[in-house]
Amino acid sequence: MKLDRHWIAAHIPHQGSMCLLEEVLYWDAQQLTCRSVSHRDAGNPLRAHDRLGAACAIEYAAQALAVHGALLRPTSQGSHGFAMLTSARAVDLVVARLDDIHGDLLVGAQRLHADGRGALYSFAVHEGAQLLAQGRLTVLLDAAQAAKPAAAGAPRGTST
């Protein structure tokens, strides 16, 4: 199964141009890496004053967390689970803006802790080897989403 933009849009609440991720490159039970090209789109809904500020990397990372939650959620649950971003901490914005980054964004997230109430992730956004932003995100989960996770599945590797 290809975890492309269509799969992502079908499994997270972000729709249309607000679905910022293009595909899942790798995932397992603790982490994932997604690729995005939407930062170069002049119609990106996060653009303000004719630019896409680096703080928008937090939304890219939050969507990666939503994708990870969808991948871990048992398929029998079907609908989108409720999750709310409750904090962004230790955020380091290495660049001022994302729209002038020419390559694809690689959005990585690693689950540091999870329980029935929420999850803590670290994230990093790169263009190739260049770090653009990093930090930690906390999400509040509903009881159904925090249920026993499904087994992790492919794709694995980091091909683009």
C-alpha atoms as a PDB file:
ATOM      1  CA  MET A   1       0.000   0.000   0.000  1.00  0.00           C
ATOM      2  CA  LYS A   2       1.361   3.406  -0.999  1.00  0.00           C
ATOM      3  CA  LEU A   3       1.049   5.994   1.762  1.00  0.00           C
ATOM      4  CA  ASP A   4       0.716   8.995  -0.531  1.00  0.00           C
ATOM      5  CA  ARG A   5      -1.206  12.263  -0.312  1.00  0.00           C
ATOM      6  CA  HIS A   6      -4.511  10.497  -1.068  1.00  0.00           C
ATOM      7  CA  TRP A   7      -3.982   8.021   1.777  1.00  0.00           C
ATOM      8  CA  ILE A   8      -2.950  10.821   4.139  1.00  0.00           C
ATOM      9  CA  ALA A   9      -6.002  12.965   3.301  1.00  0.00           C
ATOM     10  CA  ALA A  10      -8.269   9.962   3.868  1.00  0.00           C
ATOM     11  CA  HIS A  11      -6.824   9.343   7.335  1.00  0.00           C
ATOM     12  CA  ILE A  12      -6.299  12.772   8.902  1.00  0.00           C
ATOM     13  CA  PRO A  13      -8.758  15.648   9.275  1.00  0.00           C
ATOM     14  CA  HIS A  14      -6.699  18.093   7.164  1.00  0.00           C
ATOM     15  CA  GLN A  15      -8.228  18.363   3.693  1.00  0.00           C
ATOM     16  CA  GLY A  16      -7.599  20.146   0.409  1.00  0.00           C
ATOM     17  CA  SER A  17      -4.652  22.512   0.399  1.00  0.00           C
ATOM     18  CA  MET A  18      -4.485  22.272   4.205  1.00  0.00           C
ATOM     19  CA  CYS A  19      -3.222  18.684   3.871  1.00  0.00           C
ATOM     20  CA  LEU A  20       0.454  19.646   3.750  1.00  0.00           C
ATOM     21  CA  LEU A  21       2.181  16.263   3.473  1.00  0.00           C
ATOM     22  CA  GLU A  22       2.882  14.461   0.210  1.00  0.00           C
ATOM     23  CA  GLU A  23       3.816  10.960   1.356  1.00  0.00           C
ATOM     24  CA  VAL A  24       5.076   8.788   4.173  1.00  0.00           C
ATOM     25  CA  LEU A  25       8.627   7.653   3.437  1.00  0.00           C
ATOM     26  CA  TYR A  26       9.157   5.524   6.550  1.00  0.00           C
ATOM     27  CA  TRP A  27       7.295   4.575   9.695  1.00  0.00           C
ATOM     28  CA  ASP A  28       7.340   2.180  12.593  1.00  0.00           C
ATOM     29  CA  ALA A  29       5.711   2.129  16.027  1.00  0.00           C
ATOM     30  CA  GLN A  30       7.943   4.914  17.389  1.00  0.00           C
ATOM     31  CA  GLN A  31       8.688   7.246  14.468  1.00  0.00           C
ATOM     32  CA  LEU A  32       7.965   8.332  10.954  1.00  0.00           C
ATOM     33  CA  THR A  33       9.331  10.482   8.149  1.00  0.00           C
ATOM     34  CA  CYS A  34       7.101  12.292   5.681  1.00  0.00           C
ATOM     35  CA  ARG A  35       7.910  14.312   2.570  1.00  0.00           C
ATOM     36  CA  SER A  36       6.270  17.595   1.659  1.00  0.00           C
ATOM     37  CA  VAL A  37       6.343  19.911  -1.348  1.00  0.00           C
ATOM     38  CA  SER A  38       3.551  22.298  -0.303  1.00  0.00           C
ATOM     39  CA  HIS A  39       5.946  24.869   1.173  1.00  0.00           C
ATOM     40  CA  ARG A  40       6.742  25.973  -2.402  1.00  0.00           C
ATOM     41  CA  ASP A  41       3.070  26.429  -3.333  1.00  0.00           C
ATOM     42  CA  ALA A  42       2.034  30.082  -3.584  1.00  0.00           C
ATOM     43  CA  GLY A  43      -1.466  28.921  -2.588  1.00  0.00           C
ATOM     44  CA  ASN A  44      -0.303  27.353   0.694  1.00  0.00           C
ATOM     45  CA  PRO A  45      -3.019  28.310   3.214  1.00  0.00           C
ATOM     46  CA  LEU A  46      -0.417  29.044   5.905  1.00  0.00           C
ATOM     47  CA  ARG A  47       1.223  31.811   3.866  1.00  0.00           C
ATOM     48  CA  ALA A  48       0.866  35.310   5.264  1.00  0.00           C
ATOM     49  CA  HIS A  49       2.180  38.575   3.871  1.00  0.00           C
ATOM     50  CA  ASP A  50       3.461  36.751   0.780  1.00  0.00           C
ATOM     51  CA  ARG A  51       5.681  34.362   2.779  1.00  0.00           C
ATOM     52  CA  LEU A  52       5.638  31.074   4.677  1.00  0.00           C
ATOM     53  CA  GLY A  53       7.332  31.639   8.010  1.00  0.00           C
ATOM     54  CA  ALA A  54       9.436  28.953   9.648  1.00  0.00           C
ATOM     55  CA  ALA A  55       6.983  28.694  12.570  1.00  0.00           C
ATOM     56  CA  CYS A  56       4.695  26.881  10.116  1.00  0.00           C
ATOM     57  CA  ALA A  57       7.059  23.913  10.535  1.00  0.00           C
ATOM     58  CA  ILE A  58       5.078  23.210  13.714  1.00  0.00           C
ATOM     59  CA  GLU A  59       1.942  22.571  11.634  1.00  0.00           C
ATOM     60  CA  TYR A  60       3.878  20.296   9.271  1.00  0.00           C
ATOM     61  CA  ALA A  61       5.091  18.338  12.298  1.00  0.00           C
ATOM     62  CA  ALA A  62       1.610  18.260  13.862  1.00  0.00           C
ATOM     63  CA  GLN A  63       0.228  16.734  10.669  1.00  0.00           C
ATOM     64  CA  ALA A  64       3.008  14.135  10.743  1.00  0.00           C
ATOM     65  CA  LEU A  65       1.869  13.251  14.279  1.00  0.00           C
ATOM     66  CA  ALA A  66      -1.699  12.894  12.996  1.00  0.00           C
ATOM     67  CA  VAL A  67      -0.449  10.560  10.265  1.00  0.00           C
ATOM     68  CA  HIS A  68       1.489   8.520  12.822  1.00  0.00           C
ATOM     69  CA  GLY A  69      -1.617   8.257  14.981  1.00  0.00           C
ATOM     70  CA  ALA A  70      -3.627   7.064  11.977  1.00  0.00           C
ATOM     71  CA  LEU A  71      -0.995   4.444  11.175  1.00  0.00           C
ATOM     72  CA  LEU A  72      -1.004   3.158  14.752  1.00  0.00           C
ATOM     73  CA  ARG A  73      -4.786   3.208  15.124  1.00  0.00           C
ATOM     74  CA  PRO A  74      -6.420  -0.163  14.446  1.00  0.00           C
ATOM     75  CA  THR A  75      -8.158  -0.155  11.076  1.00  0.00           C
ATOM     76  CA  SER A  76     -11.418  -1.257  12.708  1.00  0.00           C
ATOM     77  CA  GLN A  77     -11.750   2.206  14.253  1.00  0.00           C
ATOM     78  CA  GLY A  78     -12.262   3.704  10.798  1.00  0.00           C
ATOM     79  CA  SER A  79     -12.866   7.382  11.556  1.00  0.00           C
ATOM     80  CA  HIS A  80     -10.319  10.038  12.461  1.00  0.00           C
ATOM     81  CA  GLY A  81      -9.409   9.876  16.127  1.00  0.00           C
ATOM     82  CA  PHE A  82      -9.526  13.082  18.128  1.00  0.00           C
ATOM     83  CA  ALA A  83      -6.180  14.647  18.888  1.00  0.00           C
ATOM     84  CA  MET A  84      -5.428  18.211  19.852  1.00  0.00           C
ATOM     85  CA  LEU A  85      -2.005  19.843  19.813  1.00  0.00           C
ATOM     86  CA  THR A  86      -1.595  21.164  23.348  1.00  0.00           C
ATOM     87  CA  SER A  87       1.980  22.434  23.413  1.00  0.00           C
ATOM     88  CA  ALA A  88       5.061  23.123  21.354  1.00  0.00           C
ATOM     89  CA  ARG A  89       8.244  23.336  23.421  1.00  0.00           C
ATOM     90  CA  ALA A  90      11.959  23.805  22.861  1.00  0.00           C
ATOM     91  CA  VAL A  91      11.215  24.873  19.285  1.00  0.00           C
ATOM     92  CA  ASP A  92      14.317  25.956  17.388  1.00  0.00           C
ATOM     93  CA  LEU A  93      13.673  27.701  14.069  1.00  0.00           C
ATOM     94  CA  VAL A  94      16.977  27.579  12.201  1.00  0.00           C
ATOM     95  CA  VAL A  95      15.689  29.472   9.143  1.00  0.00           C
ATOM     96  CA  ALA A  96      13.346  32.463   8.907  1.00  0.00           C
ATOM     97  CA  ARG A  97      11.035  31.060   6.254  1.00  0.00           C
ATOM     98  CA  LEU A  98      10.130  27.859   4.452  1.00  0.00           C
ATOM     99  CA  ASP A  99       8.876  29.128   1.090  1.00  0.00           C
ATOM    100  CA  ASP A 100      12.388  29.895  -0.135  1.00  0.00           C
ATOM    101  CA  ILE A 101      13.572  26.312   0.539  1.00  0.00           C
ATOM    102  CA  HIS A 102      14.045  24.780  -2.913  1.00  0.00           C
ATOM    103  CA  GLY A 103      14.124  21.080  -2.024  1.00  0.00           C
ATOM    104  CA  ASP A 104      11.439  18.892  -0.499  1.00  0.00           C
ATOM    105  CA  LEU A 105      10.810  19.088   3.229  1.00  0.00           C
ATOM    106  CA  LEU A 106      11.490  15.957   5.260  1.00  0.00           C
ATOM    107  CA  VAL A 107       9.319  15.991   8.369  1.00  0.00           C
ATOM    108  CA  GLY A 108      10.404  13.528  11.000  1.00  0.00           C
ATOM    109  CA  ALA A 109       8.720  12.741  14.304  1.00  0.00           C
ATOM    110  CA  GLN A 110       9.681  10.379  17.091  1.00  0.00           C
ATOM    111  CA  ARG A 111       7.278   9.329  19.844  1.00  0.00           C
ATOM    112  CA  LEU A 112       8.996   9.842  23.197  1.00  0.00           C
ATOM    113  CA  HIS A 113       6.076   8.889  25.448  1.00  0.00           C
ATOM    114  CA  ALA A 114       2.441   7.905  25.066  1.00  0.00           C
ATOM    115  CA  ASP A 115      -0.320   6.853  27.425  1.00  0.00           C
ATOM    116  CA  GLY A 116      -4.113   6.858  27.412  1.00  0.00           C
ATOM    117  CA  ARG A 117      -4.271  10.634  27.687  1.00  0.00           C
ATOM    118  CA  GLY A 118      -1.710  11.897  25.221  1.00  0.00           C
ATOM    119  CA  ALA A 119       1.639  11.640  23.552  1.00  0.00           C
ATOM    120  CA  LEU A 120       4.924  13.527  23.479  1.00  0.00           C
ATOM    121  CA  TYR A 121       6.941  13.645  20.260  1.00  0.00           C
ATOM    122  CA  SER A 122      10.170  15.232  19.153  1.00  0.00           C
ATOM    123  CA  PHE A 123      10.202  16.560  15.605  1.00  0.00           C
ATOM    124  CA  ALA A 124      12.691  17.831  13.069  1.00  0.00           C
ATOM    125  CA  VAL A 125      12.129  19.379   9.657  1.00  0.00           C
ATOM    126  CA  HIS A 126      14.984  19.111   7.159  1.00  0.00           C
ATOM    127  CA  GLU A 127      15.788  19.853   3.562  1.00  0.00           C
ATOM    128  CA  GLY A 128      18.214  17.071   2.804  1.00  0.00           C
ATOM    129  CA  ALA A 129      20.817  17.229   5.583  1.00  0.00           C
ATOM    130  CA  GLN A 130      20.037  20.871   6.501  1.00  0.00           C
ATOM    131  CA  LEU A 131      18.038  21.241   9.712  1.00  0.00           C
ATOM    132  CA  LEU A 132      15.283  23.858   9.342  1.00  0.00           C
ATOM    133  CA  ALA A 133      13.336  23.460  12.598  1.00  0.00           C
ATOM    134  CA  GLN A 134      13.057  21.130  15.565  1.00  0.00           C
ATOM    135  CA  GLY A 135      11.277  20.824  18.881  1.00  0.00           C
ATOM    136  CA  ARG A 136       8.775  18.804  20.919  1.00  0.00           C
ATOM    137  CA  LEU A 137       5.007  18.569  20.540  1.00  0.00           C
ATOM    138  CA  THR A 138       2.428  17.289  22.991  1.00  0.00           C
ATOM    139  CA  VAL A 139      -0.967  16.030  21.856  1.00  0.00           C
ATOM    140  CA  LEU A 140      -4.076  15.222  23.879  1.00  0.00           C
ATOM    141  CA  LEU A 141      -5.812  12.028  22.707  1.00  0.00           C
ATOM    142  CA  ASP A 142      -9.288  10.618  23.153  1.00  0.00           C
ATOM    143  CA  ALA A 143      -9.670   7.190  24.717  1.00  0.00           C
ATOM    144  CA  ALA A 144     -10.475   5.473  21.387  1.00  0.00           C
ATOM    145  CA  GLN A 145      -7.362   6.803  19.657  1.00  0.00           C
ATOM    146  CA  ALA A 146      -5.132   5.844  22.561  1.00  0.00           C
ATOM    147  CA  ALA A 147      -6.373   2.242  22.389  1.00  0.00           C
ATOM    148  CA  LYS A 148      -3.992  -0.596  21.689  1.00  0.00           C
ATOM    149  CA  PRO A 149      -2.026   0.281  18.510  1.00  0.00           C
ATOM    150  CA  ALA A 150      -2.102  -1.829  15.368  1.00  0.00           C
ATOM    151  CA  ALA A 151       1.077  -3.481  14.132  1.00  0.00           C
ATOM    152  CA  ALA A 152       3.414  -1.181  12.219  1.00  0.00           C
ATOM    153  CA  GLY A 153       3.690  -1.627   8.489  1.00  0.00           C
ATOM    154  CA  ALA A 154       5.698  -0.606   5.448  1.00  0.00           C
ATOM    155  CA  PRO A 155       6.846   1.455   3.598  1.00  0.00           C
ATOM    156  CA  ARG A 156      10.292   1.465   5.108  1.00  0.00           C
ATOM    157  CA  GLY A 157      13.423   3.211   3.957  1.00  0.00           C
ATOM    158  CA  THR A 158      14.029   6.776   2.872  1.00  0.00           C
ATOM    159  CA  SER A 159      13.659   6.827  -0.889  1.00  0.00           C
ATOM    160  CA  THR A 160      12.273   9.970  -2.483  1.00  0.00           C
END
